[in-house]
Amino acid sequence: MTANFLIGLRESLEATLIVVLLMAYLTKSGRRALLPRLWAGVGTAVAVSVGFGALLTFGPRRLTFEAQEAIGGGLSIVAVGLVTWMVFWMAPTARTLGSELRSRVDGVADGAGWGLVLVAALAVGREGLETALFLWAAAQAGGESGTPLFGALLGLAVAAGLGHFLHRGVLKVNLSRFFTWTGVALVVIAGGVLA
């Protein structure tokens, strides 16, 4: 359960930080009227991620045991590679993520109304799909049934609470140190899934 909590916390906090950055920028730039579009994109990303997780969980059930094992093994390798790559990619990218998101928002905010929905859906959806895939792979590797979801939901709740406090300015977190240590832990967990 601890590994799934950490996966849920780390990946959800990345998505939460993106949402907090976008909310703050829309508010500071006098575009509060666009917040519902942001939330529509976030909702779309969450729905797609949950659907992907359900497809991973329930889709292969009618297949033969060998086919299930082949799919499970292949997706586990993909999940390990993806999470490991994201940990190393996030280190240098974190410094410019805010300015990149702001420029994307500026590019679509004054255009047709759904550009911001797409920016939010893609930014949050990437984290959601990665989370679904890695949680599924971790559950397959550990042979767990109900606890992966509980641990991940607990991590998601903690990330949402941290995001709320960060947005309100109540909490200051050394994000560099947080992502460094959780990144190390995720690489270790990925090694366990690979094994």
N, C-alpha and C. Protein backbone atom coordinates (compact mmCIF):
# COMPACT_ATOMS: atom_id res chain seq x y z
N MET A 1 0.82 -1.19 0.00
CA MET A 1 0.00 0.00 0.00
C MET A 1 0.86 1.26 0.00
N THR A 2 2.03 1.21 0.63
CA THR A 2 2.90 2.38 0.69
C THR A 2 3.37 2.79 -0.69
N ALA A 3 3.72 1.81 -1.51
CA ALA A 3 4.17 2.12 -2.87
C ALA A 3 3.06 2.78 -3.67
N ASN A 4 1.84 2.27 -3.54
CA ASN A 4 0.71 2.85 -4.28
C ASN A 4 0.36 4.24 -3.75
N PHE A 5 0.51 4.45 -2.45
CA PHE A 5 0.32 5.78 -1.88
C PHE A 5 1.33 6.75 -2.48
N LEU A 6 2.57 6.32 -2.54
CA LEU A 6 3.63 7.18 -3.08
C LEU A 6 3.40 7.47 -4.56
N ILE A 7 2.98 6.47 -5.33
CA ILE A 7 2.66 6.69 -6.74
C ILE A 7 1.53 7.70 -6.86
N GLY A 8 0.47 7.48 -6.11
CA GLY A 8 -0.68 8.40 -6.16
C GLY A 8 -0.31 9.81 -5.73
N LEU A 9 0.49 9.92 -4.68
CA LEU A 9 0.90 11.23 -4.18
C LEU A 9 1.77 11.95 -5.19
N ARG A 10 2.80 11.29 -5.66
CA ARG A 10 3.76 11.93 -6.57
C ARG A 10 3.09 12.37 -7.88
N GLU A 11 2.40 11.45 -8.51
CA GLU A 11 1.79 11.77 -9.81
C GLU A 11 0.64 12.75 -9.66
N SER A 12 -0.16 12.60 -8.62
CA SER A 12 -1.27 13.53 -8.39
C SER A 12 -0.76 14.91 -8.04
N LEU A 13 0.34 14.98 -7.30
CA LEU A 13 0.88 16.29 -6.95
C LEU A 13 1.41 17.00 -8.19
N GLU A 14 1.99 16.25 -9.12
CA GLU A 14 2.44 16.87 -10.38
C GLU A 14 1.24 17.47 -11.11
N ALA A 15 0.15 16.71 -11.22
CA ALA A 15 -1.05 17.22 -11.88
C ALA A 15 -1.65 18.40 -11.11
N THR A 16 -1.66 18.29 -9.78
CA THR A 16 -2.20 19.36 -8.95
C THR A 16 -1.40 20.64 -9.12
N LEU A 17 -0.09 20.53 -9.17
CA LEU A 17 0.74 21.72 -9.36
C LEU A 17 0.46 22.38 -10.70
N ILE A 18 0.23 21.59 -11.73
CA ILE A 18 -0.11 22.14 -13.03
C ILE A 18 -1.41 22.93 -12.94
N VAL A 19 -2.41 22.35 -12.28
CA VAL A 19 -3.70 23.03 -12.13
C VAL A 19 -3.54 24.31 -11.31
N VAL A 20 -2.78 24.24 -10.23
CA VAL A 20 -2.55 25.43 -9.39
C VAL A 20 -1.85 26.53 -10.20
N LEU A 21 -0.85 26.15 -10.99
CA LEU A 21 -0.16 27.13 -11.83
C LEU A 21 -1.13 27.79 -12.83
N LEU A 22 -1.93 26.97 -13.48
CA LEU A 22 -2.88 27.51 -14.44
C LEU A 22 -3.93 28.40 -13.77
N MET A 23 -4.44 27.98 -12.60
CA MET A 23 -5.41 28.79 -11.88
C MET A 23 -4.81 30.14 -11.48
N ALA A 24 -3.62 30.10 -10.95
CA ALA A 24 -2.96 31.34 -10.51
C ALA A 24 -2.73 32.27 -11.70
N TYR A 25 -2.30 31.72 -12.81
CA TYR A 25 -2.03 32.57 -13.97
C TYR A 25 -3.31 33.17 -14.54
N LEU A 26 -4.37 32.39 -14.62
CA LEU A 26 -5.63 32.92 -15.12
C LEU A 26 -6.15 34.02 -14.19
N THR A 27 -6.00 33.82 -12.90
CA THR A 27 -6.46 34.83 -11.94
C THR A 27 -5.63 36.10 -12.05
N LYS A 28 -4.31 35.96 -12.07
CA LYS A 28 -3.43 37.13 -12.13
C LYS A 28 -3.55 37.89 -13.44
N SER A 29 -3.86 37.19 -14.52
CA SER A 29 -3.97 37.86 -15.81
C SER A 29 -5.39 38.37 -16.08
N GLY A 30 -6.25 38.33 -15.07
CA GLY A 30 -7.60 38.86 -15.21
C GLY A 30 -8.51 38.00 -16.08
N ARG A 31 -8.28 36.71 -16.11
CA ARG A 31 -9.07 35.80 -16.95
C ARG A 31 -9.83 34.78 -16.10
N ARG A 32 -10.34 35.20 -14.98
CA ARG A 32 -11.06 34.28 -14.09
C ARG A 32 -12.26 33.64 -14.79
N ALA A 33 -12.81 34.30 -15.79
CA ALA A 33 -13.96 33.75 -16.51
C ALA A 33 -13.60 32.46 -17.25
N LEU A 34 -12.30 32.22 -17.45
CA LEU A 34 -11.86 31.02 -18.15
C LEU A 34 -11.65 29.82 -17.22
N LEU A 35 -11.81 30.02 -15.91
CA LEU A 35 -11.61 28.91 -14.96
C LEU A 35 -12.53 27.72 -15.23
N PRO A 36 -13.80 27.93 -15.60
CA PRO A 36 -14.63 26.74 -15.92
C PRO A 36 -14.07 25.91 -17.07
N ARG A 37 -13.40 26.54 -18.04
CA ARG A 37 -12.77 25.79 -19.12
C ARG A 37 -11.62 24.96 -18.59
N LEU A 38 -10.87 25.55 -17.68
CA LEU A 38 -9.77 24.81 -17.04
C LEU A 38 -10.32 23.57 -16.34
N TRP A 39 -11.39 23.74 -15.57
CA TRP A 39 -11.96 22.61 -14.83
C TRP A 39 -12.59 21.59 -15.76
N ALA A 40 -13.12 22.04 -16.91
CA ALA A 40 -13.65 21.08 -17.90
C ALA A 40 -12.51 20.22 -18.44
N GLY A 41 -11.36 20.82 -18.68
CA GLY A 41 -10.20 20.04 -19.14
C GLY A 41 -9.72 19.07 -18.09
N VAL A 42 -9.68 19.51 -16.84
CA VAL A 42 -9.25 18.63 -15.74
C VAL A 42 -10.24 17.47 -15.60
N GLY A 43 -11.53 17.76 -15.65
CA GLY A 43 -12.54 16.71 -15.56
C GLY A 43 -12.44 15.70 -16.69
N THR A 44 -12.19 16.19 -17.89
CA THR A 44 -12.01 15.31 -19.04
C THR A 44 -10.80 14.39 -18.83
N ALA A 45 -9.69 14.97 -18.35
CA ALA A 45 -8.48 14.19 -18.12
C ALA A 45 -8.71 13.11 -17.06
N VAL A 46 -9.41 13.46 -16.00
CA VAL A 46 -9.69 12.50 -14.93
C VAL A 46 -10.57 11.37 -15.47
N ALA A 47 -11.60 11.72 -16.23
CA ALA A 47 -12.49 10.69 -16.79
C ALA A 47 -11.74 9.74 -17.73
N VAL A 48 -10.89 10.29 -18.58
CA VAL A 48 -10.12 9.44 -19.50
C VAL A 48 -9.17 8.54 -18.72
N SER A 49 -8.53 9.08 -17.68
CA SER A 49 -7.59 8.29 -16.88
C SER A 49 -8.29 7.16 -16.14
N VAL A 50 -9.45 7.45 -15.56
CA VAL A 50 -10.22 6.41 -14.87
C VAL A 50 -10.68 5.34 -15.86
N GLY A 51 -11.12 5.79 -17.04
CA GLY A 51 -11.52 4.84 -18.08
C GLY A 51 -10.37 3.95 -18.53
N PHE A 52 -9.17 4.55 -18.66
CA PHE A 52 -7.99 3.78 -19.04
C PHE A 52 -7.65 2.76 -17.97
N GLY A 53 -7.73 3.17 -16.69
CA GLY A 53 -7.48 2.25 -15.59
C GLY A 53 -8.48 1.10 -15.58
N ALA A 54 -9.75 1.42 -15.84
CA ALA A 54 -10.78 0.36 -15.89
C ALA A 54 -10.53 -0.58 -17.06
N LEU A 55 -10.11 -0.03 -18.19
CA LEU A 55 -9.80 -0.87 -19.36
C LEU A 55 -8.64 -1.81 -19.05
N LEU A 56 -7.61 -1.29 -18.40
CA LEU A 56 -6.47 -2.14 -18.03
C LEU A 56 -6.90 -3.24 -17.06
N THR A 57 -7.77 -2.89 -16.13
CA THR A 57 -8.17 -3.84 -15.10
C THR A 57 -9.14 -4.89 -15.62
N PHE A 58 -10.15 -4.46 -16.37
CA PHE A 58 -11.22 -5.38 -16.74
C PHE A 58 -11.13 -5.85 -18.19
N GLY A 59 -10.37 -5.18 -19.03
CA GLY A 59 -10.30 -5.53 -20.46
C GLY A 59 -9.76 -6.90 -20.75
N PRO A 60 -8.62 -7.27 -20.18
CA PRO A 60 -8.03 -8.57 -20.54
C PRO A 60 -8.65 -9.79 -19.86
N ARG A 61 -9.69 -9.64 -19.09
CA ARG A 61 -10.23 -10.77 -18.32
C ARG A 61 -10.73 -11.92 -19.17
N ARG A 62 -11.19 -11.67 -20.36
CA ARG A 62 -11.73 -12.74 -21.21
C ARG A 62 -10.65 -13.40 -22.07
N LEU A 63 -9.45 -12.91 -21.96
CA LEU A 63 -8.35 -13.48 -22.75
C LEU A 63 -7.79 -14.72 -22.06
N THR A 64 -7.02 -15.48 -22.81
CA THR A 64 -6.37 -16.65 -22.22
C THR A 64 -5.34 -16.20 -21.20
N PHE A 65 -4.95 -17.12 -20.35
CA PHE A 65 -3.95 -16.81 -19.32
C PHE A 65 -2.65 -16.33 -19.94
N GLU A 66 -2.23 -16.98 -21.01
CA GLU A 66 -0.98 -16.61 -21.67
C GLU A 66 -1.07 -15.20 -22.24
N ALA A 67 -2.21 -14.86 -22.85
CA ALA A 67 -2.38 -13.51 -23.41
C ALA A 67 -2.39 -12.47 -22.29
N GLN A 68 -3.04 -12.79 -21.17
CA GLN A 68 -3.05 -11.87 -20.03
C GLN A 68 -1.64 -11.64 -19.51
N GLU A 69 -0.86 -12.70 -19.42
CA GLU A 69 0.52 -12.58 -18.94
C GLU A 69 1.37 -11.76 -19.91
N ALA A 70 1.16 -11.97 -21.20
CA ALA A 70 1.92 -11.21 -22.20
C ALA A 70 1.57 -9.72 -22.13
N ILE A 71 0.29 -9.42 -22.03
CA ILE A 71 -0.13 -8.02 -21.90
C ILE A 71 0.40 -7.42 -20.61
N GLY A 72 0.26 -8.16 -19.52
CA GLY A 72 0.74 -7.67 -18.22
C GLY A 72 2.24 -7.42 -18.21
N GLY A 73 3.01 -8.35 -18.75
CA GLY A 73 4.45 -8.18 -18.79
C GLY A 73 4.87 -7.02 -19.68
N GLY A 74 4.26 -6.92 -20.85
CA GLY A 74 4.59 -5.83 -21.77
C GLY A 74 4.25 -4.47 -21.20
N LEU A 75 3.06 -4.35 -20.63
CA LEU A 75 2.66 -3.07 -20.06
C LEU A 75 3.46 -2.73 -18.80
N SER A 76 3.89 -3.73 -18.06
CA SER A 76 4.74 -3.46 -16.90
C SER A 76 6.06 -2.86 -17.33
N ILE A 77 6.63 -3.39 -18.40
CA ILE A 77 7.89 -2.84 -18.91
C ILE A 77 7.68 -1.41 -19.42
N VAL A 78 6.57 -1.18 -20.11
CA VAL A 78 6.25 0.17 -20.59
C VAL A 78 6.09 1.12 -19.40
N ALA A 79 5.38 0.68 -18.36
CA ALA A 79 5.16 1.52 -17.18
C ALA A 79 6.47 1.87 -16.49
N VAL A 80 7.33 0.88 -16.32
CA VAL A 80 8.63 1.12 -15.68
C VAL A 80 9.44 2.11 -16.50
N GLY A 81 9.48 1.92 -17.81
CA GLY A 81 10.22 2.83 -18.67
C GLY A 81 9.65 4.24 -18.62
N LEU A 82 8.33 4.35 -18.68
CA LEU A 82 7.68 5.65 -18.67
C LEU A 82 7.91 6.40 -17.37
N VAL A 83 7.72 5.73 -16.25
CA VAL A 83 7.90 6.40 -14.96
C VAL A 83 9.36 6.78 -14.75
N THR A 84 10.27 5.90 -15.08
CA THR A 84 11.70 6.22 -14.93
C THR A 84 12.07 7.40 -15.82
N TRP A 85 11.60 7.40 -17.06
CA TRP A 85 11.88 8.52 -17.97
C TRP A 85 11.28 9.82 -17.42
N MET A 86 10.04 9.75 -16.90
CA MET A 86 9.39 10.97 -16.38
C MET A 86 10.14 11.52 -15.17
N VAL A 87 10.67 10.67 -14.32
CA VAL A 87 11.43 11.15 -13.15
C VAL A 87 12.65 11.94 -13.62
N PHE A 88 13.38 11.38 -14.57
CA PHE A 88 14.58 12.06 -15.05
C PHE A 88 14.25 13.26 -15.93
N TRP A 89 13.13 13.21 -16.66
CA TRP A 89 12.71 14.33 -17.50
C TRP A 89 12.24 15.50 -16.65
N MET A 90 11.56 15.21 -15.53
CA MET A 90 10.98 16.27 -14.70
C MET A 90 12.06 17.12 -14.04
N ALA A 91 13.21 16.56 -13.74
CA ALA A 91 14.25 17.31 -13.03
C ALA A 91 14.63 18.60 -13.75
N PRO A 92 15.04 18.56 -15.01
CA PRO A 92 15.39 19.82 -15.67
C PRO A 92 14.18 20.61 -16.17
N THR A 93 13.07 19.94 -16.43
CA THR A 93 11.90 20.58 -17.01
C THR A 93 11.12 21.37 -15.98
N ALA A 94 11.21 21.00 -14.71
CA ALA A 94 10.41 21.66 -13.67
C ALA A 94 10.67 23.16 -13.62
N ARG A 95 11.88 23.59 -13.94
CA ARG A 95 12.21 25.02 -13.87
C ARG A 95 11.45 25.83 -14.90
N THR A 96 11.16 25.26 -16.06
CA THR A 96 10.52 26.01 -17.13
C THR A 96 9.05 25.63 -17.35
N LEU A 97 8.54 24.73 -16.53
CA LEU A 97 7.17 24.25 -16.72
C LEU A 97 6.16 25.38 -16.61
N GLY A 98 6.32 26.23 -15.62
CA GLY A 98 5.38 27.34 -15.42
C GLY A 98 5.34 28.28 -16.61
N SER A 99 6.49 28.67 -17.12
CA SER A 99 6.50 29.60 -18.26
C SER A 99 5.96 28.93 -19.52
N GLU A 100 6.22 27.64 -19.68
CA GLU A 100 5.69 26.91 -20.83
C GLU A 100 4.17 26.85 -20.78
N LEU A 101 3.61 26.56 -19.59
CA LEU A 101 2.15 26.51 -19.45
C LEU A 101 1.54 27.89 -19.67
N ARG A 102 2.18 28.94 -19.15
CA ARG A 102 1.65 30.30 -19.33
C ARG A 102 1.62 30.68 -20.81
N SER A 103 2.66 30.31 -21.55
CA SER A 103 2.67 30.65 -22.98
C SER A 103 1.60 29.87 -23.73
N ARG A 104 1.35 28.64 -23.34
CA ARG A 104 0.26 27.86 -23.97
C ARG A 104 -1.09 28.50 -23.68
N VAL A 105 -1.29 28.93 -22.44
CA VAL A 105 -2.55 29.57 -22.07
C VAL A 105 -2.72 30.86 -22.86
N ASP A 106 -1.67 31.66 -22.96
CA ASP A 106 -1.76 32.90 -23.73
C ASP A 106 -2.11 32.63 -25.19
N GLY A 107 -1.58 31.54 -25.71
CA GLY A 107 -1.84 31.20 -27.11
C GLY A 107 -3.27 30.78 -27.39
N VAL A 108 -3.96 30.22 -26.41
CA VAL A 108 -5.32 29.70 -26.65
C VAL A 108 -6.41 30.46 -25.92
N ALA A 109 -6.06 31.27 -24.93
CA ALA A 109 -7.09 31.90 -24.09
C ALA A 109 -7.98 32.86 -24.86
N ASP A 110 -7.42 33.58 -25.81
CA ASP A 110 -8.22 34.57 -26.52
C ASP A 110 -8.85 34.01 -27.79
N GLY A 111 -8.57 32.75 -28.09
CA GLY A 111 -9.09 32.12 -29.30
C GLY A 111 -10.45 31.46 -29.07
N ALA A 112 -10.66 30.40 -29.82
CA ALA A 112 -11.93 29.67 -29.74
C ALA A 112 -12.10 29.09 -28.34
N GLY A 113 -13.00 29.01 -27.66
CA GLY A 113 -13.13 28.66 -26.25
C GLY A 113 -12.58 27.36 -25.77
N TRP A 114 -12.33 26.38 -26.63
CA TRP A 114 -11.97 25.06 -26.14
C TRP A 114 -10.47 24.81 -26.14
N GLY A 115 -9.68 25.78 -26.53
CA GLY A 115 -8.23 25.61 -26.51
C GLY A 115 -7.71 25.40 -25.11
N LEU A 116 -8.24 26.14 -24.14
CA LEU A 116 -7.81 26.00 -22.75
C LEU A 116 -8.23 24.65 -22.18
N VAL A 117 -9.40 24.17 -22.59
CA VAL A 117 -9.84 22.83 -22.16
C VAL A 117 -8.82 21.80 -22.63
N LEU A 118 -8.36 21.94 -23.86
CA LEU A 118 -7.39 21.00 -24.41
C LEU A 118 -6.04 21.09 -23.70
N VAL A 119 -5.57 22.31 -23.41
CA VAL A 119 -4.30 22.49 -22.69
C VAL A 119 -4.38 21.82 -21.33
N ALA A 120 -5.46 22.06 -20.59
CA ALA A 120 -5.62 21.46 -19.26
C ALA A 120 -5.76 19.94 -19.36
N ALA A 121 -6.53 19.47 -20.31
CA ALA A 121 -6.74 18.02 -20.45
C ALA A 121 -5.44 17.31 -20.78
N LEU A 122 -4.64 17.89 -21.67
CA LEU A 122 -3.37 17.25 -22.03
C LEU A 122 -2.36 17.31 -20.89
N ALA A 123 -2.28 18.44 -20.20
CA ALA A 123 -1.31 18.58 -19.11
C ALA A 123 -1.64 17.64 -17.95
N VAL A 124 -2.90 17.57 -17.57
CA VAL A 124 -3.30 16.72 -16.46
C VAL A 124 -3.47 15.27 -16.90
N GLY A 125 -3.95 15.08 -18.13
CA GLY A 125 -4.18 13.72 -18.63
C GLY A 125 -2.91 12.91 -18.74
N ARG A 126 -1.81 13.55 -19.09
CA ARG A 126 -0.53 12.84 -19.18
C ARG A 126 -0.19 12.22 -17.83
N GLU A 127 -0.38 12.98 -16.76
CA GLU A 127 -0.11 12.46 -15.42
C GLU A 127 -1.11 11.37 -15.04
N GLY A 128 -2.37 11.56 -15.40
CA GLY A 128 -3.40 10.59 -15.05
C GLY A 128 -3.21 9.25 -15.74
N LEU A 129 -2.88 9.28 -17.03
CA LEU A 129 -2.65 8.03 -17.76
C LEU A 129 -1.42 7.31 -17.23
N GLU A 130 -0.38 8.09 -16.93
CA GLU A 130 0.83 7.49 -16.37
C GLU A 130 0.53 6.85 -15.01
N THR A 131 -0.26 7.53 -14.20
CA THR A 131 -0.63 7.00 -12.88
C THR A 131 -1.41 5.71 -13.02
N ALA A 132 -2.40 5.70 -13.90
CA ALA A 132 -3.22 4.49 -14.09
C ALA A 132 -2.36 3.32 -14.54
N LEU A 133 -1.47 3.57 -15.48
CA LEU A 133 -0.62 2.49 -15.99
C LEU A 133 0.33 1.97 -14.92
N PHE A 134 0.96 2.88 -14.18
CA PHE A 134 1.93 2.43 -13.19
C PHE A 134 1.25 1.76 -12.00
N LEU A 135 0.09 2.25 -11.58
CA LEU A 135 -0.65 1.58 -10.49
C LEU A 135 -1.08 0.18 -10.91
N TRP A 136 -1.55 0.06 -12.14
CA TRP A 136 -1.95 -1.25 -12.63
C TRP A 136 -0.76 -2.20 -12.65
N ALA A 137 0.38 -1.71 -13.16
CA ALA A 137 1.57 -2.56 -13.22
C ALA A 137 2.05 -2.94 -11.82
N ALA A 138 2.01 -1.99 -10.88
CA ALA A 138 2.43 -2.28 -9.51
C ALA A 138 1.50 -3.30 -8.86
N ALA A 139 0.19 -3.17 -9.14
CA ALA A 139 -0.77 -4.14 -8.58
C ALA A 139 -0.55 -5.52 -9.17
N GLN A 140 -0.25 -5.60 -10.46
CA GLN A 140 0.01 -6.89 -11.10
C GLN A 140 1.27 -7.53 -10.53
N ALA A 141 2.29 -6.70 -10.33
CA ALA A 141 3.56 -7.23 -9.81
C ALA A 141 3.42 -7.70 -8.37
N GLY A 142 2.59 -6.98 -7.60
CA GLY A 142 2.43 -7.33 -6.19
C GLY A 142 1.32 -8.32 -5.93
N GLY A 143 0.50 -8.60 -6.93
CA GLY A 143 -0.60 -9.54 -6.76
C GLY A 143 -1.68 -9.01 -5.84
N GLU A 144 -1.82 -7.69 -5.74
CA GLU A 144 -2.81 -7.10 -4.84
C GLU A 144 -4.12 -6.90 -5.60
N SER A 145 -5.22 -6.83 -4.86
CA SER A 145 -6.49 -6.60 -5.53
C SER A 145 -7.12 -5.27 -5.12
N GLY A 146 -7.46 -5.04 -3.86
CA GLY A 146 -8.16 -3.82 -3.47
C GLY A 146 -7.27 -2.72 -2.93
N THR A 147 -6.14 -3.08 -2.34
CA THR A 147 -5.31 -2.07 -1.69
C THR A 147 -4.61 -1.10 -2.63
N PRO A 148 -4.30 -1.43 -3.89
CA PRO A 148 -3.67 -0.42 -4.73
C PRO A 148 -4.53 0.82 -4.89
N LEU A 149 -5.83 0.60 -5.08
CA LEU A 149 -6.73 1.73 -5.26
C LEU A 149 -6.83 2.55 -3.98
N PHE A 150 -6.90 1.90 -2.84
CA PHE A 150 -6.99 2.63 -1.57
C PHE A 150 -5.75 3.48 -1.33
N GLY A 151 -4.57 2.90 -1.51
CA GLY A 151 -3.33 3.64 -1.32
C GLY A 151 -3.22 4.81 -2.29
N ALA A 152 -3.59 4.57 -3.55
CA ALA A 152 -3.53 5.62 -4.56
C ALA A 152 -4.51 6.74 -4.26
N LEU A 153 -5.73 6.38 -3.85
CA LEU A 153 -6.72 7.41 -3.50
C LEU A 153 -6.28 8.23 -2.29
N LEU A 154 -5.63 7.58 -1.34
CA LEU A 154 -5.10 8.30 -0.19
C LEU A 154 -4.01 9.29 -0.64
N GLY A 155 -3.14 8.86 -1.54
CA GLY A 155 -2.12 9.74 -2.09
C GLY A 155 -2.74 10.90 -2.86
N LEU A 156 -3.79 10.62 -3.63
CA LEU A 156 -4.51 11.65 -4.37
C LEU A 156 -5.12 12.68 -3.42
N ALA A 157 -5.71 12.20 -2.33
CA ALA A 157 -6.33 13.11 -1.37
C ALA A 157 -5.28 14.02 -0.71
N VAL A 158 -4.14 13.45 -0.35
CA VAL A 158 -3.07 14.25 0.24
C VAL A 158 -2.57 15.28 -0.77
N ALA A 159 -2.41 14.88 -2.03
CA ALA A 159 -1.96 15.81 -3.08
C ALA A 159 -2.97 16.94 -3.28
N ALA A 160 -4.26 16.61 -3.27
CA ALA A 160 -5.29 17.64 -3.43
C ALA A 160 -5.26 18.61 -2.25
N GLY A 161 -5.08 18.09 -1.05
CA GLY A 161 -4.98 18.97 0.13
C GLY A 161 -3.76 19.87 0.05
N LEU A 162 -2.62 19.31 -0.34
CA LEU A 162 -1.41 20.12 -0.50
C LEU A 162 -1.61 21.19 -1.57
N GLY A 163 -2.26 20.81 -2.66
CA GLY A 163 -2.53 21.77 -3.73
C GLY A 163 -3.41 22.91 -3.27
N HIS A 164 -4.42 22.59 -2.48
CA HIS A 164 -5.31 23.62 -1.93
C HIS A 164 -4.52 24.60 -1.07
N PHE A 165 -3.68 24.07 -0.19
CA PHE A 165 -2.90 24.94 0.69
C PHE A 165 -1.84 25.72 -0.08
N LEU A 166 -1.26 25.12 -1.11
CA LEU A 166 -0.31 25.84 -1.95
C LEU A 166 -1.00 26.98 -2.68
N HIS A 167 -2.18 26.72 -3.21
CA HIS A 167 -2.93 27.75 -3.94
C HIS A 167 -3.31 28.91 -3.02
N ARG A 168 -3.66 28.60 -1.81
CA ARG A 168 -4.05 29.64 -0.85
C ARG A 168 -2.84 30.37 -0.27
N GLY A 169 -1.65 29.86 -0.53
CA GLY A 169 -0.45 30.50 0.00
C GLY A 169 -0.16 30.16 1.45
N VAL A 170 -0.88 29.17 1.98
CA VAL A 170 -0.72 28.76 3.37
C VAL A 170 0.51 27.89 3.55
N LEU A 171 0.86 27.16 2.52
CA LEU A 171 1.92 26.15 2.61
C LEU A 171 3.02 26.46 1.61
N LYS A 172 4.24 26.34 2.07
CA LYS A 172 5.41 26.45 1.20
C LYS A 172 6.14 25.11 1.27
N VAL A 173 6.40 24.52 0.11
CA VAL A 173 7.05 23.23 0.04
C VAL A 173 8.28 23.37 -0.86
N ASN A 174 9.38 22.78 -0.43
CA ASN A 174 10.56 22.73 -1.29
C ASN A 174 10.29 21.64 -2.33
N LEU A 175 9.73 22.05 -3.46
CA LEU A 175 9.30 21.07 -4.46
C LEU A 175 10.48 20.34 -5.08
N SER A 176 11.59 21.00 -5.20
CA SER A 176 12.77 20.34 -5.77
C SER A 176 13.18 19.15 -4.91
N ARG A 177 13.26 19.37 -3.61
CA ARG A 177 13.63 18.28 -2.69
C ARG A 177 12.56 17.19 -2.68
N PHE A 178 11.28 17.61 -2.67
CA PHE A 178 10.18 16.64 -2.66
C PHE A 178 10.26 15.73 -3.89
N PHE A 179 10.39 16.34 -5.08
CA PHE A 179 10.41 15.54 -6.30
C PHE A 179 11.69 14.72 -6.42
N THR A 180 12.78 15.19 -5.86
CA THR A 180 14.00 14.40 -5.88
C THR A 180 13.83 13.12 -5.08
N TRP A 181 13.34 13.25 -3.84
CA TRP A 181 13.21 12.07 -2.97
C TRP A 181 12.11 11.13 -3.44
N THR A 182 10.98 11.68 -3.88
CA THR A 182 9.93 10.78 -4.37
C THR A 182 10.34 10.16 -5.70
N GLY A 183 11.14 10.87 -6.48
CA GLY A 183 11.66 10.30 -7.73
C GLY A 183 12.56 9.10 -7.47
N VAL A 184 13.42 9.23 -6.46
CA VAL A 184 14.28 8.10 -6.08
C VAL A 184 13.41 6.92 -5.65
N ALA A 185 12.41 7.19 -4.83
CA ALA A 185 11.54 6.11 -4.36
C ALA A 185 10.78 5.48 -5.54
N LEU A 186 10.32 6.28 -6.50
CA LEU A 186 9.60 5.72 -7.65
C LEU A 186 10.52 4.85 -8.52
N VAL A 187 11.79 5.23 -8.65
CA VAL A 187 12.72 4.42 -9.42
C VAL A 187 12.93 3.07 -8.72
N VAL A 188 12.99 3.09 -7.39
CA VAL A 188 13.11 1.83 -6.64
C VAL A 188 11.87 0.98 -6.82
N ILE A 189 10.69 1.61 -6.76
CA ILE A 189 9.44 0.86 -6.96
C ILE A 189 9.40 0.31 -8.39
N ALA A 190 9.84 1.12 -9.37
CA ALA A 190 9.88 0.66 -10.76
C ALA A 190 10.80 -0.56 -10.90
N GLY A 191 11.91 -0.54 -10.17
CA GLY A 191 12.81 -1.70 -10.17
C GLY A 191 12.12 -2.94 -9.64
N GLY A 192 11.31 -2.77 -8.60
CA GLY A 192 10.56 -3.90 -8.06
C GLY A 192 9.53 -4.42 -9.04
N VAL A 193 8.84 -3.52 -9.75
CA VAL A 193 7.87 -3.94 -10.77
C VAL A 193 8.58 -4.68 -11.89
N LEU A 194 9.74 -4.16 -12.31
CA LEU A 194 10.50 -4.81 -13.38
C LEU A 194 10.96 -6.20 -12.97
N ALA A 195 11.35 -6.35 -11.72
CA ALA A 195 11.80 -7.66 -11.23
C ALA A 195 10.64 -8.64 -11.27
